[in-house]
N, C-alpha and C. Protein backbone atom coordinates (compact mmCIF):
# COMPACT_ATOMS: atom_id res chain seq x y z
N MET A 1 0.82 -1.21 -0.05
CA MET A 1 -0.02 0.00 0.01
C MET A 1 0.90 1.27 0.01
N ASN A 2 0.50 2.24 -0.80
CA ASN A 2 1.23 3.47 -0.84
C ASN A 2 0.81 4.36 0.38
N ALA A 3 1.78 5.15 0.90
CA ALA A 3 1.47 6.05 1.95
C ALA A 3 0.73 7.31 1.44
N ILE A 4 -0.34 7.63 2.15
CA ILE A 4 -1.13 8.76 1.80
C ILE A 4 -1.59 9.57 3.06
N VAL A 5 -1.94 10.79 2.80
CA VAL A 5 -2.56 11.72 3.72
C VAL A 5 -4.10 11.31 3.75
N THR A 6 -4.63 11.02 4.96
CA THR A 6 -6.04 10.72 4.99
C THR A 6 -6.85 11.85 5.56
N ALA A 7 -6.24 12.80 6.29
CA ALA A 7 -6.98 13.97 6.74
C ALA A 7 -5.89 15.03 7.08
N VAL A 8 -6.37 16.31 7.10
CA VAL A 8 -5.58 17.50 7.55
C VAL A 8 -6.41 18.26 8.45
N SER A 9 -5.72 18.79 9.50
CA SER A 9 -6.47 19.51 10.52
C SER A 9 -5.68 20.74 10.98
N ARG A 10 -6.34 21.72 11.48
CA ARG A 10 -5.69 22.80 12.15
C ARG A 10 -6.68 23.64 13.11
N SER A 11 -6.07 24.24 14.07
CA SER A 11 -6.91 25.08 14.98
C SER A 11 -6.10 26.32 15.32
N SER A 12 -6.71 27.49 15.35
CA SER A 12 -6.02 28.67 15.68
C SER A 12 -5.89 28.89 17.23
N SER A 13 -6.67 27.99 17.93
CA SER A 13 -6.58 28.07 19.42
C SER A 13 -5.81 26.83 19.93
N HIS A 14 -5.41 26.83 21.20
CA HIS A 14 -4.64 25.81 21.71
C HIS A 14 -5.65 24.74 22.26
N SER A 15 -6.57 24.37 21.51
CA SER A 15 -7.58 23.30 21.91
C SER A 15 -6.93 21.94 21.66
N PHE A 16 -7.33 20.94 22.39
CA PHE A 16 -6.79 19.60 22.24
C PHE A 16 -7.08 19.04 20.86
N SER A 17 -8.29 19.07 20.41
CA SER A 17 -8.66 18.62 19.11
C SER A 17 -8.62 19.66 18.13
N LYS A 18 -8.46 19.27 16.77
CA LYS A 18 -8.36 20.24 15.69
C LYS A 18 -9.39 19.87 14.60
N PRO A 19 -10.20 20.79 14.16
CA PRO A 19 -11.14 20.39 13.10
C PRO A 19 -10.46 20.03 11.79
N THR A 20 -10.94 18.98 11.12
CA THR A 20 -10.48 18.61 9.82
C THR A 20 -10.74 19.72 8.78
N GLN A 21 -9.95 19.80 7.76
CA GLN A 21 -10.12 20.78 6.72
C GLN A 21 -10.10 20.06 5.38
N ASP A 22 -10.46 20.80 4.35
CA ASP A 22 -10.35 20.28 2.96
C ASP A 22 -8.82 20.22 2.52
N SER A 23 -8.11 21.25 3.07
CA SER A 23 -6.68 21.34 2.73
C SER A 23 -6.10 22.28 3.88
N VAL A 24 -4.75 22.20 3.94
CA VAL A 24 -3.99 23.13 4.83
C VAL A 24 -2.70 23.54 4.05
N ARG A 25 -2.25 24.72 4.35
CA ARG A 25 -1.04 25.24 3.70
C ARG A 25 0.08 25.15 4.73
N LEU A 26 1.22 24.55 4.28
CA LEU A 26 2.40 24.46 5.05
C LEU A 26 3.28 25.62 4.67
N LEU A 27 3.87 26.33 5.66
CA LEU A 27 4.73 27.46 5.43
C LEU A 27 6.17 27.15 5.91
N ALA A 28 7.11 27.19 4.99
CA ALA A 28 8.46 26.79 5.24
C ALA A 28 8.99 27.54 6.54
N GLY A 29 9.54 26.74 7.45
CA GLY A 29 10.14 27.35 8.66
C GLY A 29 9.17 27.74 9.65
N LEU A 30 7.82 27.61 9.43
CA LEU A 30 6.85 28.09 10.39
C LEU A 30 5.85 27.00 10.83
N GLY A 31 5.33 26.22 9.88
CA GLY A 31 4.24 25.26 10.25
C GLY A 31 3.04 25.39 9.40
N ILE A 32 1.85 25.16 10.02
CA ILE A 32 0.63 25.11 9.27
C ILE A 32 -0.07 26.47 9.42
N GLU A 33 -0.29 27.15 8.24
CA GLU A 33 -0.94 28.46 8.34
C GLU A 33 -2.26 28.40 9.07
N GLY A 34 -2.46 29.34 9.95
CA GLY A 34 -3.72 29.35 10.74
C GLY A 34 -3.73 28.45 11.99
N ASP A 35 -2.61 27.64 12.25
CA ASP A 35 -2.61 26.83 13.38
C ASP A 35 -1.84 27.51 14.60
N ALA A 36 -2.38 27.16 15.79
CA ALA A 36 -1.83 27.79 17.02
C ALA A 36 -0.29 27.53 17.20
N HIS A 37 0.15 26.47 16.60
CA HIS A 37 1.62 26.15 16.76
C HIS A 37 2.53 26.69 15.67
N LEU A 38 2.01 27.60 14.90
CA LEU A 38 2.76 28.25 13.82
C LEU A 38 3.86 29.12 14.37
N GLY A 39 5.06 28.98 13.93
CA GLY A 39 6.12 29.89 14.38
C GLY A 39 7.51 29.28 14.38
N THR A 40 8.48 30.05 14.50
CA THR A 40 9.95 29.63 14.58
C THR A 40 10.28 29.17 15.95
N THR A 41 9.71 29.79 16.99
CA THR A 41 9.93 29.41 18.32
C THR A 41 8.78 28.63 18.91
N VAL A 42 9.06 27.84 19.91
CA VAL A 42 8.09 26.92 20.48
C VAL A 42 6.78 27.59 20.83
N LYS A 43 5.69 26.91 20.60
CA LYS A 43 4.22 27.45 20.90
C LYS A 43 3.59 26.59 21.91
N HIS A 44 3.99 25.36 22.17
CA HIS A 44 3.36 24.47 23.13
C HIS A 44 3.43 25.18 24.46
N ARG A 45 2.35 25.38 25.14
CA ARG A 45 2.27 26.18 26.38
C ARG A 45 3.29 25.86 27.51
N SER A 46 3.38 24.48 27.68
CA SER A 46 4.25 24.05 28.79
C SER A 46 5.74 24.34 28.45
N ARG A 47 6.07 24.32 27.18
CA ARG A 47 7.47 24.58 26.81
C ARG A 47 7.77 26.08 26.70
N VAL A 48 6.75 26.87 26.33
CA VAL A 48 6.87 28.32 26.39
C VAL A 48 7.13 28.77 27.82
N ALA A 49 6.42 28.21 28.73
CA ALA A 49 6.64 28.58 30.21
C ALA A 49 8.12 28.27 30.65
N LYS A 50 8.73 27.25 30.10
CA LYS A 50 10.13 26.95 30.51
C LYS A 50 11.12 27.87 29.74
N ASP A 51 10.92 28.03 28.45
CA ASP A 51 11.85 28.83 27.66
C ASP A 51 11.15 29.25 26.33
N PRO A 52 10.59 30.52 26.22
CA PRO A 52 9.88 30.78 25.03
C PRO A 52 10.73 30.97 23.83
N ASN A 53 12.05 30.96 23.98
CA ASN A 53 12.96 31.19 22.86
C ASN A 53 13.43 29.87 22.21
N GLN A 54 12.99 28.73 22.71
CA GLN A 54 13.42 27.46 22.18
C GLN A 54 12.96 27.32 20.67
N PRO A 55 13.76 26.70 19.85
CA PRO A 55 13.26 26.55 18.44
C PRO A 55 12.05 25.59 18.42
N ASN A 56 11.17 25.91 17.51
CA ASN A 56 9.87 25.15 17.38
C ASN A 56 10.08 23.87 16.59
N LEU A 57 10.33 22.77 17.27
CA LEU A 57 10.51 21.47 16.65
C LEU A 57 9.23 20.74 16.44
N ARG A 58 8.09 21.37 16.82
CA ARG A 58 6.78 20.80 16.88
C ARG A 58 5.85 21.63 15.99
N GLN A 59 6.29 21.97 14.76
CA GLN A 59 5.50 22.80 13.86
C GLN A 59 4.35 22.04 13.30
N VAL A 60 4.53 20.67 13.04
CA VAL A 60 3.47 19.86 12.49
C VAL A 60 3.46 18.52 13.28
N HIS A 61 2.23 18.15 13.66
CA HIS A 61 2.02 16.88 14.36
C HIS A 61 1.36 15.86 13.42
N LEU A 62 2.01 14.66 13.28
CA LEU A 62 1.41 13.63 12.36
C LEU A 62 1.09 12.39 13.19
N ILE A 63 -0.05 11.76 12.90
CA ILE A 63 -0.45 10.54 13.42
C ILE A 63 -0.94 9.58 12.39
N HIS A 64 -0.54 8.31 12.55
CA HIS A 64 -0.92 7.30 11.56
C HIS A 64 -2.31 6.79 11.91
N SER A 65 -3.18 6.71 10.92
CA SER A 65 -4.63 6.29 11.16
C SER A 65 -4.72 4.87 11.62
N GLU A 66 -3.62 4.10 11.43
CA GLU A 66 -3.65 2.76 11.95
C GLU A 66 -3.73 2.71 13.45
N LEU A 67 -3.28 3.83 14.10
CA LEU A 67 -3.44 3.92 15.58
C LEU A 67 -4.89 4.03 15.93
N PHE A 68 -5.75 4.73 15.19
CA PHE A 68 -7.17 4.77 15.44
C PHE A 68 -7.81 3.40 15.31
N ASP A 69 -7.32 2.60 14.36
CA ASP A 69 -7.81 1.22 14.18
C ASP A 69 -7.49 0.44 15.37
N GLU A 70 -6.28 0.56 15.94
CA GLU A 70 -5.78 -0.17 17.09
C GLU A 70 -6.67 0.25 18.34
N LEU A 71 -6.87 1.58 18.46
CA LEU A 71 -7.69 2.06 19.56
C LEU A 71 -9.16 1.62 19.52
N ALA A 72 -9.65 1.58 18.33
CA ALA A 72 -11.04 1.08 18.10
C ALA A 72 -11.18 -0.35 18.69
N GLY A 73 -10.13 -1.14 18.45
CA GLY A 73 -10.14 -2.56 18.91
C GLY A 73 -10.11 -2.57 20.48
N LYS A 74 -9.73 -1.47 21.09
CA LYS A 74 -9.69 -1.44 22.55
C LYS A 74 -10.91 -0.61 23.11
N GLY A 75 -11.86 -0.28 22.24
CA GLY A 75 -13.09 0.29 22.72
C GLY A 75 -13.10 1.83 22.66
N PHE A 76 -12.07 2.49 22.04
CA PHE A 76 -11.99 3.87 21.88
C PHE A 76 -12.47 4.27 20.47
N ALA A 77 -13.22 5.38 20.39
CA ALA A 77 -13.53 5.99 19.13
C ALA A 77 -12.88 7.28 18.98
N VAL A 78 -11.86 7.30 18.02
CA VAL A 78 -11.04 8.47 17.81
C VAL A 78 -11.05 8.73 16.28
N ALA A 79 -11.37 9.95 15.95
CA ALA A 79 -11.36 10.32 14.58
C ALA A 79 -10.19 11.32 14.29
N ALA A 80 -9.90 11.50 12.96
CA ALA A 80 -8.85 12.38 12.54
C ALA A 80 -9.01 13.69 13.16
N GLY A 81 -7.89 14.26 13.72
CA GLY A 81 -7.86 15.63 14.21
C GLY A 81 -8.17 15.61 15.77
N GLU A 82 -8.82 14.59 16.20
CA GLU A 82 -9.24 14.64 17.61
C GLU A 82 -8.15 14.50 18.64
N MET A 83 -6.97 14.02 18.29
CA MET A 83 -5.85 13.89 19.14
C MET A 83 -4.91 15.05 18.86
N GLY A 84 -5.34 16.06 18.15
CA GLY A 84 -4.54 17.32 18.00
C GLY A 84 -3.56 17.25 16.87
N GLU A 85 -3.67 16.16 16.00
CA GLU A 85 -2.64 16.19 14.89
C GLU A 85 -3.10 17.04 13.75
N ASN A 86 -2.11 17.46 13.01
CA ASN A 86 -2.38 18.29 11.77
C ASN A 86 -2.49 17.46 10.52
N VAL A 87 -1.67 16.30 10.47
CA VAL A 87 -1.73 15.41 9.34
C VAL A 87 -1.97 13.97 9.87
N THR A 88 -2.95 13.36 9.29
CA THR A 88 -3.34 11.96 9.57
C THR A 88 -2.86 11.14 8.33
N THR A 89 -2.13 10.08 8.52
CA THR A 89 -1.58 9.28 7.47
C THR A 89 -2.08 7.83 7.48
N ARG A 90 -1.78 7.17 6.36
CA ARG A 90 -2.08 5.71 6.29
C ARG A 90 -1.02 5.16 5.38
N GLY A 91 -0.58 3.89 5.81
CA GLY A 91 0.40 3.22 4.92
C GLY A 91 1.84 3.58 5.23
N ILE A 92 2.21 4.18 6.35
CA ILE A 92 3.56 4.57 6.72
C ILE A 92 3.74 4.36 8.20
N ASP A 93 4.80 3.62 8.56
CA ASP A 93 5.10 3.43 10.03
C ASP A 93 5.80 4.65 10.50
N LEU A 94 5.07 5.67 10.87
CA LEU A 94 5.70 6.94 11.37
C LEU A 94 6.58 6.73 12.56
N LEU A 95 6.22 5.90 13.49
CA LEU A 95 7.01 5.72 14.69
C LEU A 95 8.37 5.10 14.55
N SER A 96 8.58 4.36 13.38
CA SER A 96 9.85 3.73 13.13
C SER A 96 10.79 4.63 12.29
N LEU A 97 10.29 5.78 11.89
CA LEU A 97 11.13 6.70 11.15
C LEU A 97 12.29 7.23 12.04
N PRO A 98 13.51 7.39 11.42
CA PRO A 98 14.56 8.03 12.26
C PRO A 98 14.42 9.55 12.28
N ALA A 99 15.06 10.18 13.21
CA ALA A 99 15.16 11.68 13.20
C ALA A 99 15.85 12.15 11.99
N GLY A 100 15.29 13.15 11.36
CA GLY A 100 15.90 13.68 10.08
C GLY A 100 15.27 13.17 8.88
N ALA A 101 14.35 12.11 9.00
CA ALA A 101 13.69 11.61 7.75
C ALA A 101 12.88 12.76 7.21
N ARG A 102 12.67 12.73 5.93
CA ARG A 102 11.92 13.75 5.23
C ARG A 102 10.72 13.13 4.58
N LEU A 103 9.62 13.80 4.80
CA LEU A 103 8.31 13.39 4.26
C LEU A 103 7.91 14.41 3.21
N TYR A 104 7.72 13.85 1.97
CA TYR A 104 7.34 14.73 0.81
C TYR A 104 5.82 14.48 0.66
N LEU A 105 5.06 15.57 0.84
CA LEU A 105 3.56 15.42 0.84
C LEU A 105 3.02 16.27 -0.32
N GLY A 106 2.11 15.71 -1.04
CA GLY A 106 1.48 16.45 -2.15
C GLY A 106 2.51 16.83 -3.19
N GLU A 107 2.29 18.03 -3.78
CA GLU A 107 3.08 18.50 -4.90
C GLU A 107 4.40 19.05 -4.47
N SER A 108 4.49 19.75 -3.27
CA SER A 108 5.67 20.55 -2.96
C SER A 108 6.07 20.51 -1.51
N ALA A 109 5.23 20.17 -0.59
CA ALA A 109 5.53 20.29 0.87
C ALA A 109 6.55 19.21 1.34
N VAL A 110 7.50 19.61 2.21
CA VAL A 110 8.47 18.71 2.80
C VAL A 110 8.57 19.04 4.23
N ILE A 111 8.34 17.92 5.07
CA ILE A 111 8.45 17.96 6.45
C ILE A 111 9.71 17.17 6.94
N GLU A 112 10.47 17.72 7.83
CA GLU A 112 11.57 16.93 8.38
C GLU A 112 11.15 16.49 9.78
N VAL A 113 11.26 15.13 10.02
CA VAL A 113 10.85 14.53 11.32
C VAL A 113 11.83 14.91 12.38
N THR A 114 11.32 15.48 13.52
CA THR A 114 12.13 15.93 14.60
C THR A 114 12.07 15.07 15.83
N GLY A 115 10.90 14.37 16.06
CA GLY A 115 10.83 13.49 17.23
C GLY A 115 9.47 13.02 17.47
N LEU A 116 9.27 12.45 18.62
CA LEU A 116 7.96 11.87 19.08
C LEU A 116 7.16 12.85 19.82
N ARG A 117 5.87 12.73 19.70
CA ARG A 117 4.93 13.51 20.62
C ARG A 117 4.97 12.80 21.92
N ASN A 118 5.07 13.52 23.03
CA ASN A 118 4.91 12.93 24.30
C ASN A 118 3.45 13.18 24.76
N PRO A 119 2.67 12.12 24.97
CA PRO A 119 1.28 12.28 25.29
C PRO A 119 1.12 12.94 26.67
N CYS A 120 0.17 13.83 26.83
CA CYS A 120 -0.02 14.48 28.11
C CYS A 120 -1.34 14.11 28.62
N VAL A 121 -1.66 14.75 29.82
CA VAL A 121 -2.90 14.40 30.55
C VAL A 121 -4.16 14.78 29.77
N GLN A 122 -4.03 15.65 28.79
CA GLN A 122 -5.19 16.06 27.99
C GLN A 122 -5.79 14.83 27.27
N ILE A 123 -4.99 13.86 27.02
CA ILE A 123 -5.48 12.67 26.29
C ILE A 123 -6.50 11.97 27.11
N ASP A 124 -6.26 11.83 28.42
CA ASP A 124 -7.20 11.24 29.32
C ASP A 124 -8.47 12.13 29.56
N ARG A 125 -8.28 13.42 29.49
CA ARG A 125 -9.41 14.32 29.57
C ARG A 125 -10.29 14.18 28.36
N PHE A 126 -9.77 13.85 27.24
CA PHE A 126 -10.50 13.68 26.03
C PHE A 126 -11.31 12.36 26.09
N GLN A 127 -10.65 11.26 26.47
CA GLN A 127 -11.31 9.93 26.72
C GLN A 127 -10.49 9.21 27.86
N LYS A 128 -11.26 8.94 28.92
CA LYS A 128 -10.63 8.24 30.03
C LYS A 128 -10.04 6.96 29.65
N GLY A 129 -8.75 6.74 30.06
CA GLY A 129 -8.00 5.53 29.72
C GLY A 129 -7.22 5.57 28.45
N LEU A 130 -7.41 6.64 27.63
CA LEU A 130 -6.71 6.70 26.33
C LEU A 130 -5.23 6.86 26.50
N MET A 131 -4.75 7.59 27.55
CA MET A 131 -3.33 7.75 27.76
C MET A 131 -2.67 6.32 27.84
N LYS A 132 -3.16 5.49 28.65
CA LYS A 132 -2.63 4.14 28.77
C LYS A 132 -2.64 3.43 27.46
N ALA A 133 -3.58 3.60 26.64
CA ALA A 133 -3.75 2.92 25.36
C ALA A 133 -2.80 3.43 24.35
N VAL A 134 -2.25 4.62 24.45
CA VAL A 134 -1.31 5.16 23.50
C VAL A 134 0.18 5.02 23.97
N LEU A 135 0.28 4.42 25.12
CA LEU A 135 1.63 4.04 25.66
C LEU A 135 1.80 2.49 25.69
N GLY A 136 2.92 2.03 25.25
CA GLY A 136 3.15 0.54 25.27
C GLY A 136 4.53 0.37 25.90
N LYS A 137 4.88 -0.90 25.96
CA LYS A 137 6.17 -1.25 26.51
C LYS A 137 6.94 -2.11 25.44
N GLY A 138 8.24 -1.84 25.23
CA GLY A 138 9.00 -2.63 24.28
C GLY A 138 9.61 -3.82 24.99
N GLU A 139 10.46 -4.50 24.29
CA GLU A 139 11.08 -5.72 24.78
C GLU A 139 11.82 -5.60 26.03
N GLN A 140 12.58 -4.48 26.21
CA GLN A 140 13.35 -4.21 27.40
C GLN A 140 12.55 -3.44 28.41
N GLY A 141 11.27 -3.29 28.26
CA GLY A 141 10.45 -2.52 29.16
C GLY A 141 10.46 -1.00 28.90
N LYS A 142 11.09 -0.62 27.75
CA LYS A 142 11.13 0.82 27.36
C LYS A 142 9.75 1.22 26.95
N VAL A 143 9.34 2.49 27.32
CA VAL A 143 8.10 3.03 26.94
C VAL A 143 8.07 3.28 25.46
N ILE A 144 6.96 2.93 24.84
CA ILE A 144 6.73 3.19 23.40
C ILE A 144 5.53 4.23 23.33
N ARG A 145 5.86 5.39 22.82
CA ARG A 145 4.88 6.42 22.67
C ARG A 145 4.26 6.31 21.29
N LYS A 146 2.96 6.05 21.22
CA LYS A 146 2.29 5.81 19.91
C LYS A 146 1.46 7.00 19.40
N SER A 147 1.49 8.11 20.17
CA SER A 147 0.63 9.24 19.77
C SER A 147 1.19 10.20 18.66
N GLY A 148 2.02 9.73 17.91
CA GLY A 148 2.51 10.45 16.66
C GLY A 148 3.89 10.99 16.78
N ILE A 149 4.22 11.65 15.71
CA ILE A 149 5.56 12.27 15.55
C ILE A 149 5.36 13.81 15.33
N MET A 150 6.45 14.49 15.42
CA MET A 150 6.52 15.88 15.18
C MET A 150 7.55 16.21 14.16
N GLY A 151 7.33 17.43 13.49
CA GLY A 151 8.25 17.78 12.45
C GLY A 151 8.24 19.26 12.18
N ILE A 152 9.24 19.68 11.30
CA ILE A 152 9.32 21.07 10.94
C ILE A 152 9.12 21.07 9.42
N VAL A 153 8.69 22.32 8.96
CA VAL A 153 8.35 22.45 7.54
C VAL A 153 9.63 22.96 6.85
N LEU A 154 10.21 22.14 5.86
CA LEU A 154 11.32 22.57 5.08
C LEU A 154 10.88 23.31 3.80
N GLU A 155 9.82 22.77 3.24
CA GLU A 155 9.32 23.37 1.96
C GLU A 155 7.86 23.50 2.09
N GLY A 156 7.27 24.65 1.80
CA GLY A 156 5.82 24.84 1.98
C GLY A 156 5.01 24.28 0.81
N GLY A 157 3.70 24.36 0.94
CA GLY A 157 2.84 23.87 -0.02
C GLY A 157 1.50 23.44 0.59
N GLU A 158 0.51 23.33 -0.28
CA GLU A 158 -0.78 22.95 0.13
C GLU A 158 -0.91 21.37 0.14
N ILE A 159 -1.52 20.86 1.13
CA ILE A 159 -1.69 19.38 1.20
C ILE A 159 -3.19 19.17 1.61
N ARG A 160 -3.64 17.97 1.13
CA ARG A 160 -5.12 17.60 1.28
C ARG A 160 -5.25 16.09 1.42
N PRO A 161 -6.31 15.65 1.87
CA PRO A 161 -6.55 14.13 1.94
C PRO A 161 -6.42 13.59 0.57
N GLY A 162 -5.72 12.40 0.50
CA GLY A 162 -5.54 11.66 -0.84
C GLY A 162 -4.14 11.94 -1.33
N ASP A 163 -3.45 12.94 -0.83
CA ASP A 163 -2.10 13.24 -1.33
C ASP A 163 -1.17 12.10 -0.98
N ALA A 164 -0.21 11.85 -1.86
CA ALA A 164 0.78 10.84 -1.67
C ALA A 164 1.79 11.32 -0.64
N ILE A 165 2.46 10.38 0.05
CA ILE A 165 3.58 10.68 0.92
C ILE A 165 4.76 9.83 0.46
N ARG A 166 5.88 10.49 0.28
CA ARG A 166 7.16 9.79 -0.07
C ARG A 166 8.13 10.05 1.08
N VAL A 167 8.86 9.01 1.42
CA VAL A 167 9.81 9.09 2.57
C VAL A 167 11.17 9.07 2.01
N GLU A 168 12.07 9.97 2.53
CA GLU A 168 13.49 9.98 2.20
C GLU A 168 14.22 9.85 3.60
N LEU A 169 14.97 8.81 3.71
CA LEU A 169 15.66 8.60 4.99
C LEU A 169 17.04 9.31 4.94
N PRO A 170 17.46 9.83 6.16
CA PRO A 170 18.70 10.57 6.15
C PRO A 170 19.91 9.53 6.07
N PRO A 171 21.10 10.11 5.93
CA PRO A 171 22.25 9.09 5.87
C PRO A 171 22.40 8.36 7.13
N GLN A 172 23.02 7.18 7.02
CA GLN A 172 23.32 6.35 8.20
C GLN A 172 24.42 6.99 9.00
N PRO A 173 24.58 6.75 10.26
CA PRO A 173 23.73 6.00 11.09
C PRO A 173 22.44 6.72 11.51
N HIS A 174 21.35 6.08 11.48
CA HIS A 174 20.07 6.72 11.87
C HIS A 174 19.93 6.85 13.35
N ARG A 175 19.42 7.99 13.71
CA ARG A 175 19.08 8.27 15.15
C ARG A 175 17.61 8.02 15.42
N PRO A 176 17.36 7.16 16.44
CA PRO A 176 15.97 6.88 16.77
C PRO A 176 15.25 8.15 17.25
N LEU A 177 14.02 8.17 17.11
CA LEU A 177 13.21 9.37 17.54
C LEU A 177 13.24 9.41 19.09
N GLY A 178 13.34 10.56 19.57
CA GLY A 178 13.20 10.87 20.96
C GLY A 178 12.01 11.89 21.10
N VAL A 179 11.68 12.13 22.39
CA VAL A 179 10.60 13.14 22.67
C VAL A 179 11.03 14.52 22.37
N VAL A 180 10.16 15.27 21.64
CA VAL A 180 10.49 16.68 21.44
C VAL A 180 9.38 17.55 22.00
């Protein structure tokens, strides 16, 4: 199966969920036009409180729709945009991408993967028990964060559901994703 964009979302407020859109425009070095996380410096409220001058490594949040399928099997009903992501995908294992991977979306947009989203208590406020469902344990007991990845916009452009996604891996050795 080819990797595709299944939904795009944005919100001008710092709400947990983001309404889906027919399309969104990515702006190089900034993020999603009209989204609360747009900018060169960090916009996530807890990170702004620590240091408002940090670079914004969380311009775009992506989640694989396969996670929603997994969550449905556990009794949760989650739709695109409801976990705060800007881009919902299908057919790509986002969590296994290395830091620095590039995602080519639509005709011209390019996102560089910066790291993992660290789920916060808002997930349980959205649906009780969801936080536990988006956290797993690996073979050595290491926590696996399933709630998506973050990236920065290298090249702008408009993206919409149905757009193809092409992955370009960085040179070896690959660095695994950490929380950003």
